[in-house]
Amino acid sequence: MKRQIVAKRGEKPGTEQDEVKLQIASKQIVQTAILRAVQQVSQESQQKEKRTNTSASLQLERGKLTKKHEKK
């Protein structure tokens, strides 16, 4: 048998079961938001690292080309 929760002024009465469902849904929403934020930060870090590595490689290549030209 469902138990009625006493509603505060201005709120609709609900059941304990409804309250539990809302809490579970809220928890899932928060967990999903945190997971997406972590994934986004991870992707951004990987992209930044990739750009840094590419930039460093290009600088090394430029340095090698410069040295080759200097030897001539």
PDB file of N, CA and C in Angstrom:
ATOM      1  N   MET A   1       0.837  -1.175   0.000  1.00  0.00           N
ATOM      2  CA  MET A   1       0.000   0.000   0.000  1.00  0.00           C
ATOM      3  C   MET A   1       0.889   1.249   0.000  1.00  0.00           C
ATOM      4  N   LYS A   2       0.578   2.216  -0.843  1.00  0.00           N
ATOM      5  CA  LYS A   2       1.366   3.443  -0.946  1.00  0.00           C
ATOM      6  C   LYS A   2       1.053   4.372   0.214  1.00  0.00           C
ATOM      7  N   ARG A   3       2.100   5.004   0.735  1.00  0.00           N
ATOM      8  CA  ARG A   3       1.926   5.954   1.819  1.00  0.00           C
ATOM      9  C   ARG A   3       1.964   7.359   1.255  1.00  0.00           C
ATOM     10  N   GLN A   4       1.068   8.191   1.660  1.00  0.00           N
ATOM     11  CA  GLN A   4       1.047   9.572   1.196  1.00  0.00           C
ATOM     12  C   GLN A   4       2.061  10.397   1.984  1.00  0.00           C
ATOM     13  N   ILE A   5       2.823  11.235   1.278  1.00  0.00           N
ATOM     14  CA  ILE A   5       3.735  12.168   1.921  1.00  0.00           C
ATOM     15  C   ILE A   5       2.984  13.474   2.115  1.00  0.00           C
ATOM     16  N   VAL A   6       3.122  14.042   3.286  1.00  0.00           N
ATOM     17  CA  VAL A   6       2.442  15.306   3.564  1.00  0.00           C
ATOM     18  C   VAL A   6       3.096  16.382   2.712  1.00  0.00           C
ATOM     19  N   ALA A   7       2.285  17.060   1.921  1.00  0.00           N
ATOM     20  CA  ALA A   7       2.806  18.087   1.021  1.00  0.00           C
ATOM     21  C   ALA A   7       2.979  19.406   1.765  1.00  0.00           C
ATOM     22  N   LYS A   8       4.054  20.106   1.403  1.00  0.00           N
ATOM     23  CA  LYS A   8       4.248  21.451   1.943  1.00  0.00           C
ATOM     24  C   LYS A   8       3.306  22.396   1.203  1.00  0.00           C
ATOM     25  N   ARG A   9       3.118  23.576   1.747  1.00  0.00           N
ATOM     26  CA  ARG A   9       2.232  24.538   1.120  1.00  0.00           C
ATOM     27  C   ARG A   9       2.705  24.839  -0.307  1.00  0.00           C
ATOM     28  N   GLY A  10       1.810  24.756  -1.272  1.00  0.00           N
ATOM     29  CA  GLY A  10       2.136  25.058  -2.662  1.00  0.00           C
ATOM     30  C   GLY A  10       2.640  23.859  -3.448  1.00  0.00           C
ATOM     31  N   GLU A  11       2.841  22.724  -2.777  1.00  0.00           N
ATOM     32  CA  GLU A  11       3.318  21.529  -3.472  1.00  0.00           C
ATOM     33  C   GLU A  11       2.170  20.531  -3.625  1.00  0.00           C
ATOM     34  N   LYS A  12       2.265  19.726  -4.685  1.00  0.00           N
ATOM     35  CA  LYS A  12       1.254  18.694  -4.882  1.00  0.00           C
ATOM     36  C   LYS A  12       1.626  17.486  -4.030  1.00  0.00           C
ATOM     37  N   PRO A  13       0.631  16.813  -3.483  1.00  0.00           N
ATOM     38  CA  PRO A  13       0.946  15.608  -2.710  1.00  0.00           C
ATOM     39  C   PRO A  13       1.452  14.502  -3.632  1.00  0.00           C
ATOM     40  N   GLY A  14       2.389  13.695  -3.144  1.00  0.00           N
ATOM     41  CA  GLY A  14       2.927  12.600  -3.937  1.00  0.00           C
ATOM     42  C   GLY A  14       3.151  11.399  -3.049  1.00  0.00           C
ATOM     43  N   THR A  15       3.543  10.321  -3.652  1.00  0.00           N
ATOM     44  CA  THR A  15       3.805   9.121  -2.873  1.00  0.00           C
ATOM     45  C   THR A  15       5.293   8.999  -2.615  1.00  0.00           C
ATOM     46  N   GLU A  16       5.632   8.183  -1.642  1.00  0.00           N
ATOM     47  CA  GLU A  16       7.039   7.927  -1.339  1.00  0.00           C
ATOM     48  C   GLU A  16       7.729   7.309  -2.551  1.00  0.00           C
ATOM     49  N   GLN A  17       7.009   6.453  -3.243  1.00  0.00           N
ATOM     50  CA  GLN A  17       7.551   5.784  -4.425  1.00  0.00           C
ATOM     51  C   GLN A  17       7.899   6.808  -5.513  1.00  0.00           C
ATOM     52  N   ASP A  18       7.046   7.805  -5.690  1.00  0.00           N
ATOM     53  CA  ASP A  18       7.323   8.859  -6.665  1.00  0.00           C
ATOM     54  C   ASP A  18       8.579   9.634  -6.268  1.00  0.00           C
ATOM     55  N   GLU A  19       8.707   9.896  -4.985  1.00  0.00           N
ATOM     56  CA  GLU A  19       9.871  10.622  -4.481  1.00  0.00           C
ATOM     57  C   GLU A  19      11.158   9.832  -4.746  1.00  0.00           C
ATOM     58  N   VAL A  20      11.118   8.538  -4.517  1.00  0.00           N
ATOM     59  CA  VAL A  20      12.273   7.675  -4.762  1.00  0.00           C
ATOM     60  C   VAL A  20      12.616   7.675  -6.248  1.00  0.00           C
ATOM     61  N   LYS A  21      11.611   7.591  -7.099  1.00  0.00           N
ATOM     62  CA  LYS A  21      11.837   7.625  -8.545  1.00  0.00           C
ATOM     63  C   LYS A  21      12.512   8.934  -8.961  1.00  0.00           C
ATOM     64  N   LEU A  22      12.052  10.039  -8.387  1.00  0.00           N
ATOM     65  CA  LEU A  22      12.647  11.343  -8.694  1.00  0.00           C
ATOM     66  C   LEU A  22      14.104  11.410  -8.237  1.00  0.00           C
ATOM     67  N   GLN A  23      14.363  10.864  -7.051  1.00  0.00           N
ATOM     68  CA  GLN A  23      15.740  10.862  -6.538  1.00  0.00           C
ATOM     69  C   GLN A  23      16.653  10.029  -7.424  1.00  0.00           C
ATOM     70  N   ILE A  24      16.171   8.871  -7.861  1.00  0.00           N
ATOM     71  CA  ILE A  24      16.965   8.002  -8.736  1.00  0.00           C
ATOM     72  C   ILE A  24      17.217   8.699 -10.074  1.00  0.00           C
ATOM     73  N   ALA A  25      16.169   9.309 -10.634  1.00  0.00           N
ATOM     74  CA  ALA A  25      16.321  10.017 -11.908  1.00  0.00           C
ATOM     75  C   ALA A  25      17.296  11.180 -11.769  1.00  0.00           C
ATOM     76  N   SER A  26      17.204  11.909 -10.672  1.00  0.00           N
ATOM     77  CA  SER A  26      18.119  13.039 -10.442  1.00  0.00           C
ATOM     78  C   SER A  26      19.563  12.556 -10.343  1.00  0.00           C
ATOM     79  N   LYS A  27      19.748  11.464  -9.618  1.00  0.00           N
ATOM     80  CA  LYS A  27      21.098  10.897  -9.461  1.00  0.00           C
ATOM     81  C   LYS A  27      21.659  10.478 -10.827  1.00  0.00           C
ATOM     82  N   GLN A  28      20.832   9.849 -11.656  1.00  0.00           N
ATOM     83  CA  GLN A  28      21.279   9.421 -12.983  1.00  0.00           C
ATOM     84  C   GLN A  28      21.635  10.618 -13.857  1.00  0.00           C
ATOM     85  N   ILE A  29      20.860  11.684 -13.761  1.00  0.00           N
ATOM     86  CA  ILE A  29      21.144  12.891 -14.541  1.00  0.00           C
ATOM     87  C   ILE A  29      22.482  13.479 -14.137  1.00  0.00           C
ATOM     88  N   VAL A  30      22.718  13.553 -12.829  1.00  0.00           N
ATOM     89  CA  VAL A  30      23.985  14.098 -12.333  1.00  0.00           C
ATOM     90  C   VAL A  30      25.155  13.211 -12.765  1.00  0.00           C
ATOM     91  N   GLN A  31      25.004  11.893 -12.630  1.00  0.00           N
ATOM     92  CA  GLN A  31      26.072  10.975 -13.030  1.00  0.00           C
ATOM     93  C   GLN A  31      26.384  11.102 -14.520  1.00  0.00           C
ATOM     94  N   THR A  32      25.351  11.219 -15.337  1.00  0.00           N
ATOM     95  CA  THR A  32      25.543  11.373 -16.782  1.00  0.00           C
ATOM     96  C   THR A  32      26.253  12.686 -17.093  1.00  0.00           C
ATOM     97  N   ALA A  33      25.863  13.749 -16.416  1.00  0.00           N
ATOM     98  CA  ALA A  33      26.494  15.051 -16.645  1.00  0.00           C
ATOM     99  C   ALA A  33      27.972  15.012 -16.250  1.00  0.00           C
ATOM    100  N   ILE A  34      28.279  14.381 -15.135  1.00  0.00           N
ATOM    101  CA  ILE A  34      29.676  14.268 -14.696  1.00  0.00           C
ATOM    102  C   ILE A  34      30.476  13.438 -15.686  1.00  0.00           C
ATOM    103  N   LEU A  35      29.919  12.322 -16.127  1.00  0.00           N
ATOM    104  CA  LEU A  35      30.610  11.459 -17.092  1.00  0.00           C
ATOM    105  C   LEU A  35      30.895  12.213 -18.386  1.00  0.00           C
ATOM    106  N   ARG A  36      29.927  12.952 -18.884  1.00  0.00           N
ATOM    107  CA  ARG A  36      30.122  13.731 -20.118  1.00  0.00           C
ATOM    108  C   ARG A  36      31.190  14.806 -19.922  1.00  0.00           C
ATOM    109  N   ALA A  37      31.192  15.448 -18.770  1.00  0.00           N
ATOM    110  CA  ALA A  37      32.193  16.485 -18.502  1.00  0.00           C
ATOM    111  C   ALA A  37      33.594  15.878 -18.451  1.00  0.00           C
ATOM    112  N   VAL A  38      33.730  14.728 -17.807  1.00  0.00           N
ATOM    113  CA  VAL A  38      35.028  14.055 -17.731  1.00  0.00           C
ATOM    114  C   VAL A  38      35.492  13.647 -19.128  1.00  0.00           C
ATOM    115  N   GLN A  39      34.579  13.107 -19.930  1.00  0.00           N
ATOM    116  CA  GLN A  39      34.918  12.713 -21.295  1.00  0.00           C
ATOM    117  C   GLN A  39      35.348  13.922 -22.119  1.00  0.00           C
ATOM    118  N   GLN A  40      34.664  15.042 -21.959  1.00  0.00           N
ATOM    119  CA  GLN A  40      35.002  16.245 -22.710  1.00  0.00           C
ATOM    120  C   GLN A  40      36.385  16.760 -22.323  1.00  0.00           C
ATOM    121  N   VAL A  41      36.675  16.784 -21.020  1.00  0.00           N
ATOM    122  CA  VAL A  41      37.985  17.241 -20.559  1.00  0.00           C
ATOM    123  C   VAL A  41      39.068  16.309 -21.095  1.00  0.00           C
ATOM    124  N   SER A  42      38.803  15.013 -21.075  1.00  0.00           N
ATOM    125  CA  SER A  42      39.762  14.037 -21.579  1.00  0.00           C
ATOM    126  C   SER A  42      40.032  14.250 -23.070  1.00  0.00           C
ATOM    127  N   GLN A  43      38.965  14.447 -23.845  1.00  0.00           N
ATOM    128  CA  GLN A  43      39.121  14.677 -25.285  1.00  0.00           C
ATOM    129  C   GLN A  43      39.902  15.960 -25.545  1.00  0.00           C
ATOM    130  N   GLU A  44      39.590  17.006 -24.811  1.00  0.00           N
ATOM    131  CA  GLU A  44      40.283  18.280 -24.994  1.00  0.00           C
ATOM    132  C   GLU A  44      41.767  18.147 -24.640  1.00  0.00           C
ATOM    133  N   SER A  45      42.063  17.385 -23.597  1.00  0.00           N
ATOM    134  CA  SER A  45      43.454  17.169 -23.207  1.00  0.00           C
ATOM    135  C   SER A  45      44.208  16.400 -24.285  1.00  0.00           C
ATOM    136  N   GLN A  46      43.557  15.372 -24.833  1.00  0.00           N
ATOM    137  CA  GLN A  46      44.188  14.589 -25.898  1.00  0.00           C
ATOM    138  C   GLN A  46      44.435  15.448 -27.138  1.00  0.00           C
ATOM    139  N   GLN A  47      43.459  16.294 -27.483  1.00  0.00           N
ATOM    140  CA  GLN A  47      43.621  17.160 -28.646  1.00  0.00           C
ATOM    141  C   GLN A  47      44.753  18.161 -28.412  1.00  0.00           C
ATOM    142  N   LYS A  48      44.827  18.701 -27.213  1.00  0.00           N
ATOM    143  CA  LYS A  48      45.879  19.659 -26.887  1.00  0.00           C
ATOM    144  C   LYS A  48      47.238  18.983 -26.953  1.00  0.00           C
ATOM    145  N   GLU A  49      47.322  17.759 -26.415  1.00  0.00           N
ATOM    146  CA  GLU A  49      48.584  17.018 -26.449  1.00  0.00           C
ATOM    147  C   GLU A  49      48.982  16.716 -27.894  1.00  0.00           C
ATOM    148  N   LYS A  50      48.007  16.363 -28.715  1.00  0.00           N
ATOM    149  CA  LYS A  50      48.275  16.063 -30.118  1.00  0.00           C
ATOM    150  C   LYS A  50      48.800  17.310 -30.836  1.00  0.00           C
ATOM    151  N   ARG A  51      48.173  18.472 -30.561  1.00  0.00           N
ATOM    152  CA  ARG A  51      48.636  19.721 -31.174  1.00  0.00           C
ATOM    153  C   ARG A  51      50.044  20.070 -30.706  1.00  0.00           C
ATOM    154  N   THR A  52      50.312  19.847 -29.423  1.00  0.00           N
ATOM    155  CA  THR A  52      51.641  20.142 -28.875  1.00  0.00           C
ATOM    156  C   THR A  52      52.680  19.244 -29.525  1.00  0.00           C
ATOM    157  N   ASN A  53      52.360  17.951 -29.650  1.00  0.00           N
ATOM    158  CA  ASN A  53      53.299  17.015 -30.275  1.00  0.00           C
ATOM    159  C   ASN A  53      53.535  17.358 -31.739  1.00  0.00           C
ATOM    160  N   THR A  54      52.465  17.730 -32.437  1.00  0.00           N
ATOM    161  CA  THR A  54      52.596  18.104 -33.842  1.00  0.00           C
ATOM    162  C   THR A  54      53.447  19.358 -33.975  1.00  0.00           C
ATOM    163  N   SER A  55      53.218  20.320 -33.114  1.00  0.00           N
ATOM    164  CA  SER A  55      53.984  21.564 -33.134  1.00  0.00           C
ATOM    165  C   SER A  55      55.449  21.290 -32.853  1.00  0.00           C
ATOM    166  N   ALA A  56      55.731  20.437 -31.879  1.00  0.00           N
ATOM    167  CA  ALA A  56      57.118  20.098 -31.535  1.00  0.00           C
ATOM    168  C   ALA A  56      57.787  19.374 -32.696  1.00  0.00           C
ATOM    169  N   SER A  57      57.058  18.477 -33.349  1.00  0.00           N
ATOM    170  CA  SER A  57      57.612  17.750 -34.496  1.00  0.00           C
ATOM    171  C   SER A  57      57.933  18.703 -35.638  1.00  0.00           C
ATOM    172  N   LEU A  58      57.024  19.644 -35.887  1.00  0.00           N
ATOM    173  CA  LEU A  58      57.270  20.613 -36.945  1.00  0.00           C
ATOM    174  C   LEU A  58      58.489  21.477 -36.628  1.00  0.00           C
ATOM    175  N   GLN A  59      58.636  21.863 -35.364  1.00  0.00           N
ATOM    176  CA  GLN A  59      59.787  22.673 -34.977  1.00  0.00           C
ATOM    177  C   GLN A  59      61.080  21.886 -35.149  1.00  0.00           C
ATOM    178  N   LEU A  60      61.045  20.598 -34.819  1.00  0.00           N
ATOM    179  CA  LEU A  60      62.229  19.756 -35.011  1.00  0.00           C
ATOM    180  C   LEU A  60      62.574  19.649 -36.491  1.00  0.00           C
ATOM    181  N   GLU A  61      61.556  19.422 -37.317  1.00  0.00           N
ATOM    182  CA  GLU A  61      61.779  19.316 -38.763  1.00  0.00           C
ATOM    183  C   GLU A  61      62.344  20.625 -39.313  1.00  0.00           C
ATOM    184  N   ARG A  62      61.819  21.753 -38.875  1.00  0.00           N
ATOM    185  CA  ARG A  62      62.322  23.049 -39.329  1.00  0.00           C
ATOM    186  C   ARG A  62      63.786  23.209 -38.929  1.00  0.00           C
ATOM    187  N   GLY A  63      64.092  22.760 -37.712  1.00  0.00           N
ATOM    188  CA  GLY A  63      65.469  22.836 -37.237  1.00  0.00           C
ATOM    189  C   GLY A  63      66.383  21.980 -38.081  1.00  0.00           C
ATOM    190  N   LYS A  64      65.963  20.792 -38.458  1.00  0.00           N
ATOM    191  CA  LYS A  64      66.771  19.894 -39.288  1.00  0.00           C
ATOM    192  C   LYS A  64      66.980  20.514 -40.662  1.00  0.00           C
ATOM    193  N   LEU A  65      65.928  21.097 -41.233  1.00  0.00           N
ATOM    194  CA  LEU A  65      66.044  21.722 -42.542  1.00  0.00           C
ATOM    195  C   LEU A  65      67.000  22.908 -42.482  1.00  0.00           C
ATOM    196  N   THR A  66      66.909  23.675 -41.429  1.00  0.00           N
ATOM    197  CA  THR A  66      67.788  24.830 -41.273  1.00  0.00           C
ATOM    198  C   THR A  66      69.228  24.380 -41.179  1.00  0.00           C
ATOM    199  N   LYS A  67      69.495  23.328 -40.413  1.00  0.00           N
ATOM    200  CA  LYS A  67      70.853  22.828 -40.271  1.00  0.00           C
ATOM    201  C   LYS A  67      71.374  22.295 -41.584  1.00  0.00           C
ATOM    202  N   LYS A  68      70.532  21.629 -42.375  1.00  0.00           N
ATOM    203  CA  LYS A  68      70.957  21.116 -43.681  1.00  0.00           C
ATOM    204  C   LYS A  68      71.375  22.261 -44.581  1.00  0.00           C
ATOM    205  N   HIS A  69      70.611  23.338 -44.569  1.00  0.00           N
ATOM    206  CA  HIS A  69      70.923  24.493 -45.401  1.00  0.00           C
ATOM    207  C   HIS A  69      72.183  25.189 -44.929  1.00  0.00           C
ATOM    208  N   GLU A  70      72.412  25.189 -43.644  1.00  0.00           N
ATOM    209  CA  GLU A  70      73.604  25.829 -43.101  1.00  0.00           C
ATOM    210  C   GLU A  70      74.874  25.072 -43.496  1.00  0.00           C
ATOM    211  N   LYS A  71      74.803  23.753 -43.634  1.00  0.00           N
ATOM    212  CA  LYS A  71      75.968  22.940 -43.968  1.00  0.00           C
ATOM    213  C   LYS A  71      76.448  23.185 -45.397  1.00  0.00           C
ATOM    214  N   LYS A  72      75.549  23.604 -46.274  1.00  0.00           N
ATOM    215  CA  LYS A  72      75.919  23.792 -47.681  1.00  0.00           C
ATOM    216  C   LYS A  72      76.831  24.935 -47.892  1.00  0.00           C
TER     217      LYS A  72
END
